[in-house]
């Protein structure tokens, strides 16, 4: 999948599910549940056991139904391994120019993490396709408005503390999409194997994004 297509699909959906599964065997069921609810952006974090293998299996079984990527990437070797396994995008909680360089060289989307205005601009200037503002919990949607006022060319996405209540505020503040973890795919839900519950929540998230964009 071309990088531009992957980015467009993520932005159109508006939600990227941040998955921290207990085992790679859960990933298939989680992804199917999310897709049924309308969420096609799947970020498999490296904290998931056998994450690279899990990404490869998701790509083989789900194909173009999803846009699968890797998260919590801290070094270029991990980025390369995930991309070779089929990852279409690379998320990181920090900005490492080596990760950006290898991801761009391999033709995939890179979304590094940043916090301050200087960090955000540096990440963008280094080649980020979108900048992940993390942790977004402590900043709030108003921070996006403040950042985008002097730098409207930036593409930002929040991760950390995003839920159904705050999605409208983030979208209105200028987020191109949102990253949702435990509020979308919670530990209790995973432990119970409540796939229908995940689908229902995913649908609510997607509808919240659509409603916010329509206003």
N, C-alpha and C. Protein backbone atom coordinates (compact mmCIF):
# COMPACT_ATOMS: atom_id res chain seq x y z
N UNK A 1 0.85 -1.19 0.00
CA UNK A 1 0.00 0.00 0.00
C UNK A 1 0.88 1.25 0.00
N UNK A 2 0.57 2.19 -0.88
CA UNK A 2 1.34 3.42 -0.92
C UNK A 2 1.12 4.23 0.36
N UNK A 3 2.16 4.93 0.76
CA UNK A 3 2.09 5.72 1.99
C UNK A 3 0.93 6.70 1.96
N UNK A 4 0.74 7.35 0.82
CA UNK A 4 -0.32 8.35 0.70
C UNK A 4 -1.70 7.73 0.89
N UNK A 5 -1.87 6.51 0.40
CA UNK A 5 -3.15 5.81 0.55
C UNK A 5 -3.39 5.45 2.02
N UNK A 6 -2.35 4.95 2.67
CA UNK A 6 -2.46 4.58 4.08
C UNK A 6 -2.83 5.79 4.93
N UNK A 7 -2.16 6.91 4.70
CA UNK A 7 -2.44 8.13 5.46
C UNK A 7 -3.85 8.63 5.20
N UNK A 8 -4.28 8.56 3.95
CA UNK A 8 -5.62 9.02 3.61
C UNK A 8 -6.68 8.17 4.31
N UNK A 9 -6.47 6.86 4.33
CA UNK A 9 -7.44 5.97 4.97
C UNK A 9 -7.49 6.20 6.48
N UNK A 10 -6.33 6.43 7.09
CA UNK A 10 -6.29 6.70 8.53
C UNK A 10 -7.03 8.00 8.84
N UNK A 11 -6.79 9.02 8.04
CA UNK A 11 -7.43 10.31 8.29
C UNK A 11 -8.92 10.26 8.03
N UNK A 12 -9.34 9.52 7.01
CA UNK A 12 -10.77 9.41 6.72
C UNK A 12 -11.51 8.70 7.85
N UNK A 13 -10.92 7.64 8.37
CA UNK A 13 -11.51 6.92 9.50
C UNK A 13 -11.49 7.81 10.74
N UNK A 14 -10.36 8.45 10.98
CA UNK A 14 -10.23 9.38 12.09
C UNK A 14 -9.83 8.76 13.41
N UNK A 15 -9.75 7.43 13.46
CA UNK A 15 -9.41 6.75 14.71
C UNK A 15 -8.34 5.69 14.44
N UNK A 16 -7.29 5.71 15.25
CA UNK A 16 -6.28 4.66 15.23
C UNK A 16 -6.35 3.95 16.58
N UNK A 17 -6.61 2.66 16.54
CA UNK A 17 -6.69 1.87 17.77
C UNK A 17 -5.29 1.49 18.23
N UNK A 18 -4.94 1.87 19.44
CA UNK A 18 -3.63 1.55 20.01
C UNK A 18 -3.78 0.28 20.83
N UNK A 19 -3.23 -0.82 20.31
CA UNK A 19 -3.46 -2.14 20.93
C UNK A 19 -2.25 -2.59 21.74
N UNK A 20 -2.52 -2.85 23.00
CA UNK A 20 -1.51 -3.44 23.89
C UNK A 20 -2.07 -4.78 24.37
N UNK A 21 -1.97 -5.78 23.51
CA UNK A 21 -2.55 -7.09 23.79
C UNK A 21 -1.65 -7.90 24.72
N UNK A 22 -2.27 -8.87 25.41
CA UNK A 22 -1.51 -9.75 26.29
C UNK A 22 -0.74 -10.80 25.51
N UNK A 23 -1.22 -11.11 24.30
CA UNK A 23 -0.51 -12.06 23.44
C UNK A 23 -0.86 -11.76 21.99
N UNK A 24 0.02 -12.19 21.08
CA UNK A 24 -0.23 -11.93 19.67
C UNK A 24 -1.42 -12.70 19.14
N UNK A 25 -1.83 -13.76 19.85
CA UNK A 25 -2.96 -14.58 19.41
C UNK A 25 -4.28 -13.82 19.49
N UNK A 26 -4.33 -12.74 20.29
CA UNK A 26 -5.56 -11.95 20.41
C UNK A 26 -5.74 -10.97 19.26
N UNK A 27 -4.69 -10.66 18.55
CA UNK A 27 -4.72 -9.57 17.59
C UNK A 27 -5.77 -9.76 16.49
N UNK A 28 -5.91 -10.98 16.00
CA UNK A 28 -6.88 -11.24 14.94
C UNK A 28 -8.30 -10.93 15.37
N UNK A 29 -8.68 -11.41 16.55
CA UNK A 29 -10.04 -11.16 17.06
C UNK A 29 -10.26 -9.68 17.33
N UNK A 30 -9.24 -9.01 17.87
CA UNK A 30 -9.35 -7.58 18.15
C UNK A 30 -9.54 -6.81 16.85
N UNK A 31 -8.72 -7.11 15.86
CA UNK A 31 -8.80 -6.40 14.58
C UNK A 31 -10.15 -6.60 13.91
N UNK A 32 -10.65 -7.82 13.92
CA UNK A 32 -11.96 -8.09 13.31
C UNK A 32 -13.06 -7.30 14.01
N UNK A 33 -12.98 -7.26 15.34
CA UNK A 33 -13.99 -6.53 16.12
C UNK A 33 -13.93 -5.04 15.80
N UNK A 34 -12.73 -4.50 15.70
CA UNK A 34 -12.57 -3.08 15.39
C UNK A 34 -13.10 -2.74 14.00
N UNK A 35 -12.78 -3.59 13.04
CA UNK A 35 -13.23 -3.35 11.66
C UNK A 35 -14.76 -3.39 11.58
N UNK A 36 -15.37 -4.30 12.31
CA UNK A 36 -16.83 -4.37 12.33
C UNK A 36 -17.44 -3.08 12.86
N UNK A 37 -16.70 -2.41 13.74
CA UNK A 37 -17.17 -1.14 14.28
C UNK A 37 -16.76 0.06 13.45
N UNK A 38 -15.96 -0.17 12.40
CA UNK A 38 -15.58 0.91 11.51
C UNK A 38 -14.18 1.46 11.70
N UNK A 39 -13.43 0.93 12.66
CA UNK A 39 -12.05 1.39 12.88
C UNK A 39 -11.10 0.51 12.08
N UNK A 40 -10.41 1.10 11.12
CA UNK A 40 -9.52 0.31 10.26
C UNK A 40 -8.04 0.56 10.56
N UNK A 41 -7.74 1.59 11.37
CA UNK A 41 -6.36 1.87 11.75
C UNK A 41 -5.96 1.08 12.98
N UNK A 42 -5.03 0.15 12.83
CA UNK A 42 -4.62 -0.74 13.92
C UNK A 42 -3.15 -0.53 14.23
N UNK A 43 -2.85 -0.01 15.40
CA UNK A 43 -1.46 0.17 15.84
C UNK A 43 -1.11 -0.93 16.85
N UNK A 44 -0.24 -1.84 16.46
CA UNK A 44 0.21 -2.90 17.36
C UNK A 44 1.45 -2.40 18.08
N UNK A 45 1.35 -2.19 19.38
CA UNK A 45 2.50 -1.67 20.12
C UNK A 45 3.55 -2.76 20.33
N UNK A 46 4.79 -2.34 20.44
CA UNK A 46 5.87 -3.30 20.65
C UNK A 46 5.83 -3.94 22.03
N UNK A 47 4.96 -3.44 22.91
CA UNK A 47 4.79 -4.08 24.22
C UNK A 47 3.96 -5.35 24.12
N UNK A 48 3.33 -5.56 22.97
CA UNK A 48 2.59 -6.80 22.72
C UNK A 48 3.59 -7.92 22.44
N UNK A 49 3.48 -9.05 23.15
CA UNK A 49 4.40 -10.17 22.90
C UNK A 49 4.37 -10.59 21.43
N UNK A 50 5.55 -10.81 20.86
CA UNK A 50 5.67 -11.23 19.46
C UNK A 50 4.93 -10.27 18.53
N UNK A 51 5.11 -8.98 18.78
CA UNK A 51 4.38 -7.96 18.02
C UNK A 51 4.65 -8.04 16.51
N UNK A 52 5.90 -8.25 16.13
CA UNK A 52 6.26 -8.30 14.71
C UNK A 52 5.56 -9.47 14.02
N UNK A 53 5.57 -10.60 14.68
CA UNK A 53 4.89 -11.78 14.14
C UNK A 53 3.39 -11.51 14.03
N UNK A 54 2.86 -10.83 15.03
CA UNK A 54 1.44 -10.51 15.03
C UNK A 54 1.06 -9.60 13.88
N UNK A 55 1.92 -8.63 13.58
CA UNK A 55 1.67 -7.72 12.46
C UNK A 55 1.64 -8.50 11.15
N UNK A 56 2.61 -9.39 10.99
CA UNK A 56 2.70 -10.19 9.77
C UNK A 56 1.43 -11.03 9.58
N UNK A 57 0.95 -11.61 10.67
CA UNK A 57 -0.25 -12.45 10.61
C UNK A 57 -1.48 -11.61 10.28
N UNK A 58 -1.57 -10.42 10.86
CA UNK A 58 -2.71 -9.54 10.58
C UNK A 58 -2.75 -9.16 9.10
N UNK A 59 -1.60 -8.84 8.56
CA UNK A 59 -1.52 -8.47 7.15
C UNK A 59 -1.96 -9.63 6.27
N UNK A 60 -1.53 -10.84 6.62
CA UNK A 60 -1.87 -12.03 5.84
C UNK A 60 -3.35 -12.35 5.89
N UNK A 61 -3.96 -12.17 7.07
CA UNK A 61 -5.36 -12.58 7.25
C UNK A 61 -6.37 -11.48 6.95
N UNK A 62 -5.99 -10.23 7.20
CA UNK A 62 -6.95 -9.13 7.04
C UNK A 62 -6.77 -8.35 5.75
N UNK A 63 -5.56 -8.37 5.22
CA UNK A 63 -5.30 -7.68 3.96
C UNK A 63 -5.64 -6.21 3.99
N UNK A 64 -6.32 -5.75 2.93
CA UNK A 64 -6.64 -4.33 2.79
C UNK A 64 -7.83 -3.88 3.63
N UNK A 65 -8.39 -4.79 4.41
CA UNK A 65 -9.50 -4.40 5.29
C UNK A 65 -9.02 -3.45 6.38
N UNK A 66 -7.73 -3.53 6.69
CA UNK A 66 -7.17 -2.70 7.75
C UNK A 66 -5.91 -1.99 7.25
N UNK A 67 -5.53 -0.97 8.00
CA UNK A 67 -4.22 -0.33 7.81
C UNK A 67 -3.47 -0.59 9.10
N UNK A 68 -2.57 -1.54 9.07
CA UNK A 68 -1.88 -1.96 10.29
C UNK A 68 -0.51 -1.30 10.39
N UNK A 69 -0.18 -0.90 11.59
CA UNK A 69 1.11 -0.29 11.83
C UNK A 69 1.70 -0.75 13.15
N UNK A 70 2.82 -0.18 13.50
CA UNK A 70 3.52 -0.56 14.72
C UNK A 70 3.66 0.67 15.61
N UNK A 71 3.59 0.45 16.92
CA UNK A 71 3.71 1.56 17.86
C UNK A 71 4.77 1.32 18.91
N UNK A 72 5.09 2.36 19.65
CA UNK A 72 6.13 2.33 20.69
C UNK A 72 7.47 1.92 20.10
N UNK A 73 7.78 2.47 18.94
CA UNK A 73 9.05 2.17 18.27
C UNK A 73 10.12 3.15 18.75
N UNK A 74 11.23 2.62 19.24
CA UNK A 74 12.28 3.45 19.82
C UNK A 74 13.61 3.38 19.08
N UNK A 75 13.69 2.54 18.05
CA UNK A 75 14.94 2.42 17.32
C UNK A 75 14.67 2.05 15.86
N UNK A 76 15.60 2.35 14.97
CA UNK A 76 15.38 2.10 13.54
C UNK A 76 15.27 0.63 13.17
N UNK A 77 15.95 -0.24 13.90
CA UNK A 77 15.89 -1.67 13.59
C UNK A 77 14.48 -2.21 13.78
N UNK A 78 13.82 -1.77 14.84
CA UNK A 78 12.44 -2.20 15.10
C UNK A 78 11.51 -1.69 14.01
N UNK A 79 11.71 -0.45 13.61
CA UNK A 79 10.89 0.12 12.53
C UNK A 79 11.04 -0.69 11.25
N UNK A 80 12.27 -1.02 10.90
CA UNK A 80 12.53 -1.78 9.68
C UNK A 80 11.92 -3.17 9.75
N UNK A 81 12.06 -3.83 10.89
CA UNK A 81 11.50 -5.18 11.06
C UNK A 81 9.99 -5.18 10.90
N UNK A 82 9.34 -4.19 11.51
CA UNK A 82 7.89 -4.09 11.43
C UNK A 82 7.42 -3.81 10.01
N UNK A 83 8.14 -2.95 9.31
CA UNK A 83 7.78 -2.62 7.93
C UNK A 83 7.95 -3.83 7.03
N UNK A 84 9.02 -4.58 7.22
CA UNK A 84 9.23 -5.79 6.43
C UNK A 84 8.15 -6.84 6.72
N UNK A 85 7.55 -6.75 7.92
CA UNK A 85 6.47 -7.67 8.29
C UNK A 85 5.13 -7.21 7.73
N UNK A 86 5.09 -5.98 7.22
CA UNK A 86 3.87 -5.48 6.60
C UNK A 86 3.28 -4.21 7.19
N UNK A 87 3.95 -3.62 8.19
CA UNK A 87 3.44 -2.40 8.81
C UNK A 87 3.41 -1.25 7.80
N UNK A 88 2.30 -0.52 7.78
CA UNK A 88 2.14 0.60 6.85
C UNK A 88 2.53 1.93 7.48
N UNK A 89 2.60 1.97 8.80
CA UNK A 89 2.99 3.20 9.48
C UNK A 89 3.74 2.87 10.76
N UNK A 90 4.53 3.83 11.23
CA UNK A 90 5.35 3.66 12.43
C UNK A 90 5.05 4.81 13.40
N UNK A 91 4.56 4.45 14.57
CA UNK A 91 4.32 5.40 15.65
C UNK A 91 5.44 5.30 16.67
N UNK A 92 5.83 6.44 17.22
CA UNK A 92 6.82 6.45 18.30
C UNK A 92 6.41 7.49 19.33
N UNK A 93 6.71 7.24 20.61
CA UNK A 93 6.39 8.23 21.64
C UNK A 93 7.38 9.39 21.65
N UNK A 94 8.47 9.24 20.89
CA UNK A 94 9.52 10.27 20.85
C UNK A 94 9.92 10.53 19.39
N UNK A 95 10.76 11.53 19.20
CA UNK A 95 11.30 11.80 17.87
C UNK A 95 12.75 11.34 17.80
N UNK A 96 12.98 10.30 17.01
CA UNK A 96 14.32 9.79 16.75
C UNK A 96 14.52 9.91 15.24
N UNK A 97 15.42 10.76 14.82
CA UNK A 97 15.59 11.00 13.38
C UNK A 97 16.00 9.74 12.63
N UNK A 98 16.64 8.80 13.32
CA UNK A 98 17.02 7.54 12.67
C UNK A 98 15.78 6.73 12.30
N UNK A 99 14.79 6.74 13.19
CA UNK A 99 13.53 6.04 12.92
C UNK A 99 12.81 6.70 11.75
N UNK A 100 12.81 8.03 11.75
CA UNK A 100 12.17 8.76 10.65
C UNK A 100 12.86 8.44 9.33
N UNK A 101 14.17 8.44 9.32
CA UNK A 101 14.93 8.21 8.10
C UNK A 101 14.69 6.82 7.52
N UNK A 102 14.73 5.78 8.36
CA UNK A 102 14.57 4.42 7.85
C UNK A 102 13.13 4.19 7.38
N UNK A 103 12.17 4.76 8.08
CA UNK A 103 10.77 4.59 7.69
C UNK A 103 10.50 5.26 6.35
N UNK A 104 11.04 6.46 6.17
CA UNK A 104 10.85 7.17 4.90
C UNK A 104 11.58 6.45 3.77
N UNK A 105 12.75 5.93 4.06
CA UNK A 105 13.51 5.21 3.04
C UNK A 105 12.76 3.97 2.55
N UNK A 106 12.01 3.36 3.46
CA UNK A 106 11.25 2.16 3.11
C UNK A 106 9.84 2.50 2.61
N UNK A 107 9.56 3.79 2.48
CA UNK A 107 8.32 4.22 1.84
C UNK A 107 7.06 4.16 2.67
N UNK A 108 7.19 4.19 3.98
CA UNK A 108 6.02 4.11 4.85
C UNK A 108 5.83 5.39 5.66
N UNK A 109 4.66 5.52 6.26
CA UNK A 109 4.33 6.72 7.03
C UNK A 109 4.97 6.68 8.41
N UNK A 110 5.50 7.81 8.83
CA UNK A 110 6.14 7.87 10.15
C UNK A 110 5.48 8.96 10.98
N UNK A 111 5.13 8.60 12.21
CA UNK A 111 4.40 9.50 13.10
C UNK A 111 5.12 9.53 14.46
N UNK A 112 6.14 10.36 14.58
CA UNK A 112 6.92 10.44 15.82
C UNK A 112 6.20 11.26 16.88
N UNK A 113 6.61 11.05 18.12
CA UNK A 113 6.00 11.77 19.23
C UNK A 113 6.77 13.03 19.59
N UNK A 114 6.03 14.04 20.03
CA UNK A 114 6.63 15.30 20.46
C UNK A 114 5.70 15.96 21.46
N UNK A 115 6.22 16.94 22.19
CA UNK A 115 5.45 17.56 23.27
C UNK A 115 5.43 19.09 23.17
N UNK A 116 6.60 19.69 23.10
CA UNK A 116 6.68 21.15 23.07
C UNK A 116 6.57 21.67 21.63
N UNK A 117 6.30 22.96 21.46
CA UNK A 117 6.25 23.52 20.11
C UNK A 117 7.54 23.28 19.32
N UNK A 118 8.68 23.42 19.99
CA UNK A 118 9.96 23.20 19.32
C UNK A 118 10.12 21.75 18.89
N UNK A 119 9.77 20.82 19.79
CA UNK A 119 9.86 19.40 19.46
C UNK A 119 8.93 19.05 18.30
N UNK A 120 7.73 19.61 18.31
CA UNK A 120 6.76 19.32 17.25
C UNK A 120 7.28 19.81 15.90
N UNK A 121 7.79 21.03 15.86
CA UNK A 121 8.32 21.57 14.60
C UNK A 121 9.55 20.80 14.14
N UNK A 122 10.41 20.43 15.07
CA UNK A 122 11.61 19.66 14.72
C UNK A 122 11.23 18.30 14.12
N UNK A 123 10.21 17.66 14.69
CA UNK A 123 9.75 16.37 14.17
C UNK A 123 9.21 16.53 12.76
N UNK A 124 8.43 17.57 12.55
CA UNK A 124 7.87 17.85 11.23
C UNK A 124 8.99 18.15 10.22
N UNK A 125 9.92 18.96 10.61
CA UNK A 125 11.03 19.33 9.72
C UNK A 125 11.92 18.14 9.38
N UNK A 126 11.96 17.16 10.30
CA UNK A 126 12.78 15.96 10.08
C UNK A 126 12.11 14.98 9.13
N UNK A 127 10.84 15.23 8.80
CA UNK A 127 10.17 14.37 7.83
C UNK A 127 8.93 13.66 8.30
N UNK A 128 8.41 14.01 9.47
CA UNK A 128 7.20 13.36 9.97
C UNK A 128 6.03 13.61 9.03
N UNK A 129 5.21 12.57 8.81
CA UNK A 129 4.00 12.73 8.01
C UNK A 129 2.88 13.33 8.85
N UNK A 130 2.86 12.93 10.11
CA UNK A 130 1.97 13.48 11.13
C UNK A 130 2.78 13.48 12.41
N UNK A 131 2.53 14.43 13.30
CA UNK A 131 3.23 14.44 14.58
C UNK A 131 2.25 14.00 15.67
N UNK A 132 2.68 13.02 16.43
CA UNK A 132 1.89 12.52 17.56
C UNK A 132 2.22 13.37 18.79
N UNK A 133 1.24 14.10 19.28
CA UNK A 133 1.45 14.91 20.48
C UNK A 133 1.19 14.02 21.69
N UNK A 134 2.25 13.78 22.46
CA UNK A 134 2.18 12.81 23.55
C UNK A 134 3.04 13.27 24.73
N UNK A 135 2.52 13.12 25.96
CA UNK A 135 1.16 12.68 26.30
C UNK A 135 0.15 13.81 26.19
N UNK A 136 -0.92 13.56 25.45
CA UNK A 136 -1.91 14.61 25.20
C UNK A 136 -2.79 14.89 26.42
N UNK A 137 -2.83 13.93 27.34
CA UNK A 137 -3.70 14.06 28.51
C UNK A 137 -3.44 15.35 29.27
N UNK A 138 -2.17 15.68 29.46
CA UNK A 138 -1.81 16.83 30.29
C UNK A 138 -1.92 18.16 29.54
N UNK A 139 -2.15 18.10 28.23
CA UNK A 139 -2.17 19.32 27.43
C UNK A 139 -3.58 19.79 27.07
N UNK A 140 -4.40 18.87 26.60
CA UNK A 140 -5.76 19.22 26.23
C UNK A 140 -5.88 19.78 24.82
N UNK A 141 -7.09 19.75 24.25
CA UNK A 141 -7.33 20.21 22.88
C UNK A 141 -6.93 21.66 22.63
N UNK A 142 -7.03 22.50 23.64
CA UNK A 142 -6.66 23.90 23.46
C UNK A 142 -5.22 24.07 23.03
N UNK A 143 -4.38 23.12 23.40
CA UNK A 143 -2.96 23.16 23.03
C UNK A 143 -2.80 23.06 21.52
N UNK A 144 -3.64 22.22 20.88
CA UNK A 144 -3.58 22.08 19.42
C UNK A 144 -3.91 23.41 18.75
N UNK A 145 -4.93 24.09 19.25
CA UNK A 145 -5.30 25.39 18.68
C UNK A 145 -4.14 26.38 18.80
N UNK A 146 -3.50 26.36 19.96
CA UNK A 146 -2.37 27.27 20.19
C UNK A 146 -1.20 26.97 19.25
N UNK A 147 -0.95 25.69 19.02
CA UNK A 147 0.16 25.28 18.14
C UNK A 147 -0.15 25.59 16.68
N UNK A 148 -1.38 25.28 16.27
CA UNK A 148 -1.75 25.42 14.86
C UNK A 148 -1.98 26.87 14.44
N UNK A 149 -2.21 27.75 15.39
CA UNK A 149 -2.42 29.16 15.04
C UNK A 149 -1.22 29.75 14.29
N UNK A 150 0.01 29.59 14.82
CA UNK A 150 1.17 30.11 14.09
C UNK A 150 1.76 29.11 13.09
N UNK A 151 1.36 27.82 13.20
CA UNK A 151 1.92 26.78 12.32
C UNK A 151 0.80 25.92 11.74
N UNK A 152 -0.07 26.50 10.93
CA UNK A 152 -1.24 25.78 10.41
C UNK A 152 -0.92 24.65 9.44
N UNK A 153 0.32 24.58 8.99
CA UNK A 153 0.74 23.54 8.04
C UNK A 153 0.97 22.19 8.72
N UNK A 154 1.04 22.18 10.04
CA UNK A 154 1.30 20.94 10.77
C UNK A 154 0.10 19.99 10.72
N UNK A 155 0.39 18.69 10.77
CA UNK A 155 -0.65 17.68 10.93
C UNK A 155 -0.40 17.00 12.28
N UNK A 156 -1.37 17.10 13.17
CA UNK A 156 -1.20 16.62 14.54
C UNK A 156 -2.24 15.56 14.90
N UNK A 157 -1.83 14.63 15.75
CA UNK A 157 -2.75 13.65 16.30
C UNK A 157 -2.45 13.48 17.78
N UNK A 158 -3.48 13.42 18.63
CA UNK A 158 -3.26 13.23 20.06
C UNK A 158 -3.29 11.76 20.45
N UNK A 159 -2.46 11.38 21.38
CA UNK A 159 -2.50 10.04 21.97
C UNK A 159 -2.30 10.18 23.47
N UNK A 160 -3.13 9.47 24.21
CA UNK A 160 -3.06 9.55 25.67
C UNK A 160 -4.26 10.29 26.22
N UNK A 161 -5.17 9.55 26.84
CA UNK A 161 -6.33 10.18 27.45
C UNK A 161 -7.45 10.54 26.50
N UNK A 162 -7.40 10.05 25.27
CA UNK A 162 -8.47 10.34 24.31
C UNK A 162 -9.63 9.38 24.55
N UNK A 163 -10.84 9.93 24.71
CA UNK A 163 -12.02 9.10 24.89
C UNK A 163 -13.21 9.72 24.17
N UNK A 164 -14.38 9.10 24.32
CA UNK A 164 -15.56 9.56 23.60
C UNK A 164 -15.93 11.01 23.95
N UNK A 165 -15.68 11.39 25.18
CA UNK A 165 -16.04 12.75 25.61
C UNK A 165 -15.13 13.81 24.99
N UNK A 166 -13.86 13.45 24.81
CA UNK A 166 -12.90 14.46 24.33
C UNK A 166 -12.69 14.46 22.82
N UNK A 167 -13.12 13.40 22.13
CA UNK A 167 -12.93 13.34 20.67
C UNK A 167 -13.44 14.59 19.95
N UNK A 168 -14.68 15.04 20.22
CA UNK A 168 -15.16 16.23 19.51
C UNK A 168 -14.25 17.44 19.69
N UNK A 169 -13.72 17.61 20.89
CA UNK A 169 -12.84 18.74 21.16
C UNK A 169 -11.53 18.64 20.38
N UNK A 170 -10.97 17.43 20.32
CA UNK A 170 -9.72 17.23 19.59
C UNK A 170 -9.90 17.49 18.09
N UNK A 171 -10.99 16.97 17.54
CA UNK A 171 -11.25 17.16 16.11
C UNK A 171 -11.47 18.64 15.79
N UNK A 172 -12.25 19.30 16.61
CA UNK A 172 -12.51 20.74 16.40
C UNK A 172 -11.23 21.56 16.56
N UNK A 173 -10.31 21.06 17.38
CA UNK A 173 -9.05 21.78 17.60
C UNK A 173 -8.06 21.60 16.46
N UNK A 174 -8.37 20.66 15.54
CA UNK A 174 -7.52 20.49 14.37
C UNK A 174 -6.82 19.16 14.21
N UNK A 175 -7.12 18.19 15.08
CA UNK A 175 -6.50 16.87 14.96
C UNK A 175 -6.94 16.19 13.67
N UNK A 176 -5.98 15.60 12.93
CA UNK A 176 -6.32 14.90 11.69
C UNK A 176 -6.92 13.53 11.98
N UNK A 177 -6.59 12.99 13.15
CA UNK A 177 -7.15 11.74 13.63
C UNK A 177 -6.79 11.64 15.11
N UNK A 178 -7.32 10.64 15.80
CA UNK A 178 -6.99 10.46 17.21
C UNK A 178 -6.49 9.04 17.45
N UNK A 179 -5.60 8.89 18.42
CA UNK A 179 -5.13 7.58 18.83
C UNK A 179 -5.81 7.21 20.13
N UNK A 180 -6.47 6.06 20.16
CA UNK A 180 -7.22 5.65 21.35
C UNK A 180 -6.76 4.27 21.81
N UNK A 181 -6.40 4.18 23.08
CA UNK A 181 -5.93 2.92 23.64
C UNK A 181 -6.95 2.25 24.52
N UNK A 182 -6.77 2.37 25.83
CA UNK A 182 -7.62 1.65 26.79
C UNK A 182 -9.08 2.08 26.74
N UNK A 183 -9.35 3.30 26.31
CA UNK A 183 -10.74 3.75 26.21
C UNK A 183 -11.48 3.06 25.07
N UNK A 184 -10.73 2.50 24.14
CA UNK A 184 -11.32 1.79 23.00
C UNK A 184 -11.16 0.28 23.15
N UNK A 185 -9.97 -0.15 23.51
CA UNK A 185 -9.68 -1.58 23.71
C UNK A 185 -9.08 -1.74 25.10
N UNK A 186 -9.94 -1.89 26.09
CA UNK A 186 -9.50 -1.95 27.48
C UNK A 186 -9.03 -3.33 27.92
N UNK A 187 -8.25 -3.37 28.98
CA UNK A 187 -7.74 -4.64 29.50
C UNK A 187 -8.86 -5.57 29.94
N UNK A 188 -9.86 -5.03 30.60
CA UNK A 188 -10.97 -5.86 31.06
C UNK A 188 -11.73 -6.46 29.88
N UNK A 189 -11.92 -5.65 28.87
CA UNK A 189 -12.62 -6.12 27.67
C UNK A 189 -11.83 -7.24 26.99
N UNK A 190 -10.52 -7.08 26.93
CA UNK A 190 -9.67 -8.11 26.34
C UNK A 190 -9.69 -9.38 27.16
N UNK A 191 -9.64 -9.22 28.49
CA UNK A 191 -9.63 -10.38 29.38
C UNK A 191 -10.91 -11.20 29.23
N UNK A 192 -12.01 -10.51 28.99
CA UNK A 192 -13.31 -11.19 28.84
C UNK A 192 -13.52 -11.71 27.42
N UNK A 193 -12.71 -11.22 26.50
CA UNK A 193 -12.92 -11.59 25.10
C UNK A 193 -14.22 -11.01 24.57
N UNK A 194 -14.55 -9.82 25.02
CA UNK A 194 -15.80 -9.17 24.63
C UNK A 194 -15.63 -8.45 23.30
N UNK A 195 -15.61 -9.22 22.23
CA UNK A 195 -15.37 -8.66 20.90
C UNK A 195 -16.54 -7.80 20.45
N UNK A 196 -17.76 -8.20 20.82
CA UNK A 196 -18.94 -7.41 20.46
C UNK A 196 -18.88 -6.04 21.14
N UNK A 197 -18.36 -6.03 22.37
CA UNK A 197 -18.22 -4.77 23.11
C UNK A 197 -17.22 -3.85 22.43
N UNK A 198 -16.13 -4.43 21.94
CA UNK A 198 -15.12 -3.63 21.23
C UNK A 198 -15.71 -3.05 19.95
N UNK A 199 -16.49 -3.86 19.23
CA UNK A 199 -17.12 -3.38 18.00
C UNK A 199 -18.06 -2.21 18.27
N UNK A 200 -18.85 -2.35 19.35
CA UNK A 200 -19.81 -1.31 19.70
C UNK A 200 -19.10 -0.01 20.07
N UNK A 201 -18.02 -0.13 20.83
CA UNK A 201 -17.25 1.06 21.22
C UNK A 201 -16.58 1.69 20.01
N UNK A 202 -16.04 0.86 19.13
CA UNK A 202 -15.39 1.36 17.92
C UNK A 202 -16.38 2.17 17.08
N UNK A 203 -17.60 1.67 16.96
CA UNK A 203 -18.62 2.37 16.20
C UNK A 203 -18.91 3.74 16.80
N UNK A 204 -18.95 3.80 18.13
CA UNK A 204 -19.19 5.08 18.81
C UNK A 204 -18.06 6.07 18.54
N UNK A 205 -16.83 5.57 18.54
CA UNK A 205 -15.67 6.44 18.29
C UNK A 205 -15.73 7.02 16.88
N UNK A 206 -15.99 6.16 15.90
CA UNK A 206 -16.05 6.61 14.51
C UNK A 206 -17.18 7.62 14.31
N UNK A 207 -18.32 7.34 14.92
CA UNK A 207 -19.46 8.25 14.80
C UNK A 207 -19.17 9.59 15.46
N UNK A 208 -18.42 9.56 16.57
CA UNK A 208 -18.06 10.80 17.26
C UNK A 208 -17.17 11.67 16.39
N UNK A 209 -16.25 11.04 15.67
CA UNK A 209 -15.37 11.78 14.76
C UNK A 209 -16.18 12.40 13.62
N UNK A 210 -17.06 11.59 13.02
CA UNK A 210 -17.88 12.07 11.91
C UNK A 210 -18.75 13.24 12.34
N UNK A 211 -19.36 13.12 13.51
CA UNK A 211 -20.24 14.17 14.01
C UNK A 211 -19.47 15.47 14.25
N UNK A 212 -18.27 15.33 14.81
CA UNK A 212 -17.45 16.52 15.08
C UNK A 212 -17.01 17.20 13.79
N UNK A 213 -16.69 16.42 12.78
CA UNK A 213 -16.26 16.98 11.50
C UNK A 213 -17.41 17.65 10.75
N UNK A 214 -18.63 17.18 11.00
CA UNK A 214 -19.79 17.71 10.30
C UNK A 214 -20.23 19.06 10.83
N UNK A 215 -19.77 19.41 12.02
CA UNK A 215 -20.20 20.68 12.64
C UNK A 215 -19.36 21.85 12.14
